[in-house]
PDB file of all heavy atoms in Angstrom:
ATOM      1  N   ALA A   1      59.868  53.979  34.802  1.00  0.00           N
ATOM      2  CA  ALA A   1      58.681  53.165  35.090  1.00  0.00           C
ATOM      3  C   ALA A   1      58.828  51.769  34.496  1.00  0.00           C
ATOM      4  O   ALA A   1      58.500  50.774  35.151  1.00  0.00           O
ATOM      5  CB  ALA A   1      57.427  53.847  34.541  1.00  0.00           C
ATOM      6  N   ILE A   2      59.329  51.685  33.284  1.00  0.00           N
ATOM      7  CA  ILE A   2      59.538  50.384  32.650  1.00  0.00           C
ATOM      8  C   ILE A   2      60.552  49.580  33.453  1.00  0.00           C
ATOM      9  O   ILE A   2      60.366  48.373  33.670  1.00  0.00           O
ATOM     10  CB  ILE A   2      59.993  50.549  31.185  1.00  0.00           C
ATOM     11  CG1 ILE A   2      58.837  51.102  30.343  1.00  0.00           C
ATOM     12  CG2 ILE A   2      60.488  49.220  30.618  1.00  0.00           C
ATOM     13  CD1 ILE A   2      59.239  51.517  28.953  1.00  0.00           C
ATOM     14  N   GLY A   3      61.591  50.226  33.924  1.00  0.00           N
ATOM     15  CA  GLY A   3      62.582  49.535  34.749  1.00  0.00           C
ATOM     16  C   GLY A   3      61.969  48.980  36.015  1.00  0.00           C
ATOM     17  O   GLY A   3      62.263  47.845  36.418  1.00  0.00           O
ATOM     18  N   ARG A   4      61.096  49.760  36.655  1.00  0.00           N
ATOM     19  CA  ARG A   4      60.422  49.271  37.865  1.00  0.00           C
ATOM     20  C   ARG A   4      59.526  48.080  37.547  1.00  0.00           C
ATOM     21  O   ARG A   4      59.479  47.111  38.306  1.00  0.00           O
ATOM     22  CB  ARG A   4      59.604  50.398  38.500  1.00  0.00           C
ATOM     23  CG  ARG A   4      60.461  51.446  39.183  1.00  0.00           C
ATOM     24  CD  ARG A   4      59.645  52.376  40.062  1.00  0.00           C
ATOM     25  NE  ARG A   4      58.549  53.019  39.364  1.00  0.00           N
ATOM     26  CZ  ARG A   4      58.606  54.187  38.750  1.00  0.00           C
ATOM     27  NH1 ARG A   4      59.733  54.864  38.718  1.00  0.00           N
ATOM     28  NH2 ARG A   4      57.536  54.700  38.170  1.00  0.00           N
ATOM     29  N   ILE A   5      58.820  48.141  36.423  1.00  0.00           N
ATOM     30  CA  ILE A   5      57.953  47.025  36.021  1.00  0.00           C
ATOM     31  C   ILE A   5      58.784  45.772  35.791  1.00  0.00           C
ATOM     32  O   ILE A   5      58.438  44.686  36.266  1.00  0.00           O
ATOM     33  CB  ILE A   5      57.150  47.384  34.752  1.00  0.00           C
ATOM     34  CG1 ILE A   5      56.112  48.459  35.065  1.00  0.00           C
ATOM     35  CG2 ILE A   5      56.477  46.139  34.170  1.00  0.00           C
ATOM     36  CD1 ILE A   5      55.478  49.081  33.832  1.00  0.00           C
ATOM     37  N   GLU A   6      59.890  45.929  35.072  1.00  0.00           N
ATOM     38  CA  GLU A   6      60.736  44.769  34.777  1.00  0.00           C
ATOM     39  C   GLU A   6      61.316  44.168  36.053  1.00  0.00           C
ATOM     40  O   GLU A   6      61.364  42.946  36.208  1.00  0.00           O
ATOM     41  CB  GLU A   6      61.853  45.154  33.814  1.00  0.00           C
ATOM     42  CG  GLU A   6      61.352  45.415  32.413  1.00  0.00           C
ATOM     43  CD  GLU A   6      62.429  45.926  31.480  1.00  0.00           C
ATOM     44  OE1 GLU A   6      63.459  46.466  31.954  1.00  0.00           O
ATOM     45  OE2 GLU A   6      62.236  45.781  30.258  1.00  0.00           O
ATOM     46  N   ARG A   7      61.746  45.012  36.992  1.00  0.00           N
ATOM     47  CA  ARG A   7      62.286  44.489  38.254  1.00  0.00           C
ATOM     48  C   ARG A   7      61.210  43.789  39.065  1.00  0.00           C
ATOM     49  O   ARG A   7      61.458  42.745  39.676  1.00  0.00           O
ATOM     50  CB  ARG A   7      62.939  45.623  39.054  1.00  0.00           C
ATOM     51  CG  ARG A   7      64.265  46.075  38.459  1.00  0.00           C
ATOM     52  CD  ARG A   7      65.004  47.044  39.370  1.00  0.00           C
ATOM     53  NE  ARG A   7      64.275  48.269  39.662  1.00  0.00           N
ATOM     54  CZ  ARG A   7      64.219  49.340  38.862  1.00  0.00           C
ATOM     55  NH1 ARG A   7      64.850  49.337  37.704  1.00  0.00           N
ATOM     56  NH2 ARG A   7      63.539  50.415  39.218  1.00  0.00           N
ATOM     57  N   ALA A   8      59.995  44.345  39.057  1.00  0.00           N
ATOM     58  CA  ALA A   8      58.897  43.706  39.790  1.00  0.00           C
ATOM     59  C   ALA A   8      58.574  42.345  39.190  1.00  0.00           C
ATOM     60  O   ALA A   8      58.367  41.369  39.921  1.00  0.00           O
ATOM     61  CB  ALA A   8      57.654  44.605  39.771  1.00  0.00           C
ATOM     62  N   LEU A   9      58.530  42.273  37.872  1.00  0.00           N
ATOM     63  CA  LEU A   9      58.266  40.990  37.214  1.00  0.00           C
ATOM     64  C   LEU A   9      59.350  39.971  37.554  1.00  0.00           C
ATOM     65  O   LEU A   9      59.066  38.800  37.809  1.00  0.00           O
ATOM     66  CB  LEU A   9      58.187  41.162  35.698  1.00  0.00           C
ATOM     67  CG  LEU A   9      56.917  41.791  35.164  1.00  0.00           C
ATOM     68  CD1 LEU A   9      57.064  42.080  33.680  1.00  0.00           C
ATOM     69  CD2 LEU A   9      55.730  40.886  35.409  1.00  0.00           C
ATOM     70  N   SER A  10      60.572  40.428  37.558  1.00  0.00           N
ATOM     71  CA  SER A  10      61.684  39.539  37.878  1.00  0.00           C
ATOM     72  C   SER A  10      61.560  39.010  39.304  1.00  0.00           C
ATOM     73  O   SER A  10      61.759  37.811  39.548  1.00  0.00           O
ATOM     74  CB  SER A  10      63.003  40.287  37.705  1.00  0.00           C
ATOM     75  OG  SER A  10      64.075  39.462  38.049  1.00  0.00           O
ATOM     76  N   ARG A  11      61.218  39.895  40.238  1.00  0.00           N
ATOM     77  CA  ARG A  11      61.041  39.455  41.627  1.00  0.00           C
ATOM     78  C   ARG A  11      59.894  38.470  41.748  1.00  0.00           C
ATOM     79  O   ARG A  11      59.987  37.471  42.468  1.00  0.00           O
ATOM     80  CB  ARG A  11      60.801  40.655  42.545  1.00  0.00           C
ATOM     81  CG  ARG A  11      62.030  41.485  42.806  1.00  0.00           C
ATOM     82  CD  ARG A  11      61.797  42.491  43.928  1.00  0.00           C
ATOM     83  NE  ARG A  11      60.627  43.332  43.738  1.00  0.00           N
ATOM     84  CZ  ARG A  11      60.605  44.503  43.117  1.00  0.00           C
ATOM     85  NH1 ARG A  11      61.716  44.971  42.564  1.00  0.00           N
ATOM     86  NH2 ARG A  11      59.494  45.190  43.027  1.00  0.00           N
ATOM     87  N   MET A  12      58.796  38.743  41.034  1.00  0.00           N
ATOM     88  CA  MET A  12      57.639  37.842  41.091  1.00  0.00           C
ATOM     89  C   MET A  12      58.005  36.464  40.559  1.00  0.00           C
ATOM     90  O   MET A  12      57.676  35.447  41.179  1.00  0.00           O
ATOM     91  CB  MET A  12      56.464  38.425  40.291  1.00  0.00           C
ATOM     92  CG  MET A  12      55.815  39.597  40.969  1.00  0.00           C
ATOM     93  SD  MET A  12      54.595  40.511  39.982  1.00  0.00           S
ATOM     94  CE  MET A  12      53.859  39.349  38.927  1.00  0.00           C
ATOM     95  N   GLU A  13      58.673  36.436  39.427  1.00  0.00           N
ATOM     96  CA  GLU A  13      59.016  35.147  38.830  1.00  0.00           C
ATOM     97  C   GLU A  13      60.020  34.382  39.679  1.00  0.00           C
ATOM     98  O   GLU A  13      59.928  33.167  39.796  1.00  0.00           O
ATOM     99  CB  GLU A  13      59.540  35.338  37.413  1.00  0.00           C
ATOM    100  CG  GLU A  13      58.432  35.698  36.448  1.00  0.00           C
ATOM    101  CD  GLU A  13      58.868  35.659  35.000  1.00  0.00           C
ATOM    102  OE1 GLU A  13      60.075  35.753  34.717  1.00  0.00           O
ATOM    103  OE2 GLU A  13      57.976  35.532  34.151  1.00  0.00           O
ATOM    104  N   SER A  14      60.959  35.077  40.298  1.00  0.00           N
ATOM    105  CA  SER A  14      61.954  34.375  41.101  1.00  0.00           C
ATOM    106  C   SER A  14      61.370  33.871  42.417  1.00  0.00           C
ATOM    107  O   SER A  14      61.914  32.942  43.014  1.00  0.00           O
ATOM    108  CB  SER A  14      63.168  35.260  41.363  1.00  0.00           C
ATOM    109  OG  SER A  14      62.811  36.346  42.180  1.00  0.00           O
ATOM    110  N   SER A  15      60.277  34.463  42.860  1.00  0.00           N
ATOM    111  CA  SER A  15      59.694  34.043  44.133  1.00  0.00           C
ATOM    112  C   SER A  15      58.695  32.901  43.994  1.00  0.00           C
ATOM    113  O   SER A  15      58.240  32.358  44.995  1.00  0.00           O
ATOM    114  CB  SER A  15      59.019  35.232  44.817  1.00  0.00           C
ATOM    115  OG  SER A  15      57.856  35.608  44.109  1.00  0.00           O
ATOM    116  N   ILE A  16      58.361  32.540  42.778  1.00  0.00           N
ATOM    117  CA  ILE A  16      57.387  31.461  42.570  1.00  0.00           C
ATOM    118  C   ILE A  16      58.011  30.124  42.947  1.00  0.00           C
ATOM    119  O   ILE A  16      59.111  29.793  42.542  1.00  0.00           O
ATOM    120  CB  ILE A  16      56.920  31.414  41.096  1.00  0.00           C
ATOM    121  CG1 ILE A  16      56.117  32.658  40.772  1.00  0.00           C
ATOM    122  CG2 ILE A  16      56.090  30.160  40.824  1.00  0.00           C
ATOM    123  CD1 ILE A  16      55.755  32.765  39.306  1.00  0.00           C
ATOM    124  N   ASP A  17      57.293  29.384  43.743  1.00  0.00           N
ATOM    125  CA  ASP A  17      57.721  28.026  44.077  1.00  0.00           C
ATOM    126  C   ASP A  17      57.339  27.141  42.889  1.00  0.00           C
ATOM    127  O   ASP A  17      56.182  26.842  42.677  1.00  0.00           O
ATOM    128  CB  ASP A  17      57.031  27.563  45.356  1.00  0.00           C
ATOM    129  CG  ASP A  17      57.382  26.148  45.731  1.00  0.00           C
ATOM    130  OD1 ASP A  17      58.280  25.545  45.104  1.00  0.00           O
ATOM    131  OD2 ASP A  17      56.758  25.625  46.660  1.00  0.00           O
ATOM    132  N   ARG A  18      58.327  26.764  42.111  1.00  0.00           N
ATOM    133  CA  ARG A  18      58.069  26.031  40.861  1.00  0.00           C
ATOM    134  C   ARG A  18      57.281  24.742  41.092  1.00  0.00           C
ATOM    135  O   ARG A  18      56.380  24.419  40.337  1.00  0.00           O
ATOM    136  CB  ARG A  18      59.387  25.712  40.150  1.00  0.00           C
ATOM    137  CG  ARG A  18      60.156  26.931  39.725  1.00  0.00           C
ATOM    138  CD  ARG A  18      59.466  27.637  38.607  1.00  0.00           C
ATOM    139  NE  ARG A  18      60.260  28.797  38.217  1.00  0.00           N
ATOM    140  CZ  ARG A  18      59.761  29.868  37.678  1.00  0.00           C
ATOM    141  NH1 ARG A  18      58.489  29.960  37.444  1.00  0.00           N
ATOM    142  NH2 ARG A  18      60.530  30.877  37.353  1.00  0.00           N
ATOM    143  N   SER A  19      57.605  24.015  42.115  1.00  0.00           N
ATOM    144  CA  SER A  19      56.894  22.746  42.328  1.00  0.00           C
ATOM    145  C   SER A  19      55.431  23.003  42.664  1.00  0.00           C
ATOM    146  O   SER A  19      54.551  22.261  42.246  1.00  0.00           O
ATOM    147  CB  SER A  19      57.559  21.934  43.432  1.00  0.00           C
ATOM    148  OG  SER A  19      57.521  22.631  44.667  1.00  0.00           O
ATOM    149  N   ARG A  20      55.155  24.066  43.412  1.00  0.00           N
ATOM    150  CA  ARG A  20      53.775  24.377  43.769  1.00  0.00           C
ATOM    151  C   ARG A  20      52.997  24.828  42.541  1.00  0.00           C
ATOM    152  O   ARG A  20      51.853  24.434  42.334  1.00  0.00           O
ATOM    153  CB  ARG A  20      53.752  25.461  44.838  1.00  0.00           C
ATOM    154  CG  ARG A  20      52.370  25.677  45.392  1.00  0.00           C
ATOM    155  CD  ARG A  20      52.429  26.599  46.582  1.00  0.00           C
ATOM    156  NE  ARG A  20      51.486  27.668  46.317  1.00  0.00           N
ATOM    157  CZ  ARG A  20      51.461  28.801  46.925  1.00  0.00           C
ATOM    158  NH1 ARG A  20      52.330  29.071  47.844  1.00  0.00           N
ATOM    159  NH2 ARG A  20      50.566  29.699  46.642  1.00  0.00           N
ATOM    160  N   SER A  21      53.598  25.680  41.705  1.00  0.00           N
ATOM    161  CA  SER A  21      52.876  26.166  40.528  1.00  0.00           C
ATOM    162  C   SER A  21      52.633  25.044  39.522  1.00  0.00           C
ATOM    163  O   SER A  21      51.636  25.049  38.815  1.00  0.00           O
ATOM    164  CB  SER A  21      53.628  27.323  39.869  1.00  0.00           C
ATOM    165  OG  SER A  21      54.831  26.884  39.308  1.00  0.00           O
ATOM    166  N   ASP A  22      53.570  24.084  39.461  1.00  0.00           N
ATOM    167  CA  ASP A  22      53.365  22.956  38.556  1.00  0.00           C
ATOM    168  C   ASP A  22      52.229  22.058  39.023  1.00  0.00           C
ATOM    169  O   ASP A  22      51.559  21.430  38.213  1.00  0.00           O
ATOM    170  CB  ASP A  22      54.655  22.139  38.421  1.00  0.00           C
ATOM    171  CG  ASP A  22      55.720  22.890  37.631  1.00  0.00           C
ATOM    172  OD1 ASP A  22      55.363  23.854  36.924  1.00  0.00           O
ATOM    173  OD2 ASP A  22      56.894  22.508  37.732  1.00  0.00           O
ATOM    174  N   SER A  23      52.012  21.995  40.325  1.00  0.00           N
ATOM    175  CA  SER A  23      50.949  21.129  40.828  1.00  0.00           C
ATOM    176  C   SER A  23      49.592  21.833  40.833  1.00  0.00           C
ATOM    177  O   SER A  23      48.583  21.217  41.136  1.00  0.00           O
ATOM    178  CB  SER A  23      51.285  20.642  42.241  1.00  0.00           C
ATOM    179  OG  SER A  23      51.327  21.744  43.129  1.00  0.00           O
ATOM    180  N   ASP A  24      49.570  23.121  40.532  1.00  0.00           N
ATOM    181  CA  ASP A  24      48.326  23.886  40.498  1.00  0.00           C
ATOM    182  C   ASP A  24      48.138  24.473  39.102  1.00  0.00           C
ATOM    183  O   ASP A  24      48.615  25.569  38.809  1.00  0.00           O
ATOM    184  CB  ASP A  24      48.370  24.993  41.547  1.00  0.00           C
ATOM    185  CG  ASP A  24      47.059  25.739  41.682  1.00  0.00           C
ATOM    186  OD1 ASP A  24      46.161  25.569  40.827  1.00  0.00           O
ATOM    187  OD2 ASP A  24      46.924  26.497  42.651  1.00  0.00           O
ATOM    188  N   PRO A  25      47.463  23.741  38.215  1.00  0.00           N
ATOM    189  CA  PRO A  25      47.310  24.199  36.826  1.00  0.00           C
ATOM    190  C   PRO A  25      46.611  25.552  36.715  1.00  0.00           C
ATOM    191  O   PRO A  25      46.936  26.353  35.837  1.00  0.00           O
ATOM    192  CB  PRO A  25      46.490  23.107  36.153  1.00  0.00           C
ATOM    193  CG  PRO A  25      46.355  21.999  37.130  1.00  0.00           C
ATOM    194  CD  PRO A  25      46.830  22.468  38.457  1.00  0.00           C
ATOM    195  N   GLU A  26      45.663  25.837  37.610  1.00  0.00           N
ATOM    196  CA  GLU A  26      44.964  27.122  37.552  1.00  0.00           C
ATOM    197  C   GLU A  26      45.921  28.269  37.863  1.00  0.00           C
ATOM    198  O   GLU A  26      45.920  29.296  37.181  1.00  0.00           O
ATOM    199  CB  GLU A  26      43.804  27.144  38.540  1.00  0.00           C
ATOM    200  CG  GLU A  26      43.001  28.436  38.481  1.00  0.00           C
ATOM    201  CD  GLU A  26      41.846  28.458  39.463  1.00  0.00           C
ATOM    202  OE1 GLU A  26      41.411  27.388  39.916  1.00  0.00           O
ATOM    203  OE2 GLU A  26      41.397  29.570  39.775  1.00  0.00           O
ATOM    204  N   LEU A  27      46.776  28.080  38.863  1.00  0.00           N
ATOM    205  CA  LEU A  27      47.758  29.098  39.199  1.00  0.00           C
ATOM    206  C   LEU A  27      48.736  29.309  38.045  1.00  0.00           C
ATOM    207  O   LEU A  27      49.073  30.444  37.689  1.00  0.00           O
ATOM    208  CB  LEU A  27      48.524  28.711  40.468  1.00  0.00           C
ATOM    209  CG  LEU A  27      49.601  29.681  40.937  1.00  0.00           C
ATOM    210  CD1 LEU A  27      49.007  31.052  41.250  1.00  0.00           C
ATOM    211  CD2 LEU A  27      50.320  29.113  42.148  1.00  0.00           C
TER     212      LEU A  27
END
């Protein structure tokens, strides 16, 4: 379960559009 959580977090972080998140402080 921990492995699945870590992989999901990794996928979420890698899919974030950095420029978009930087321009949206709330996000």
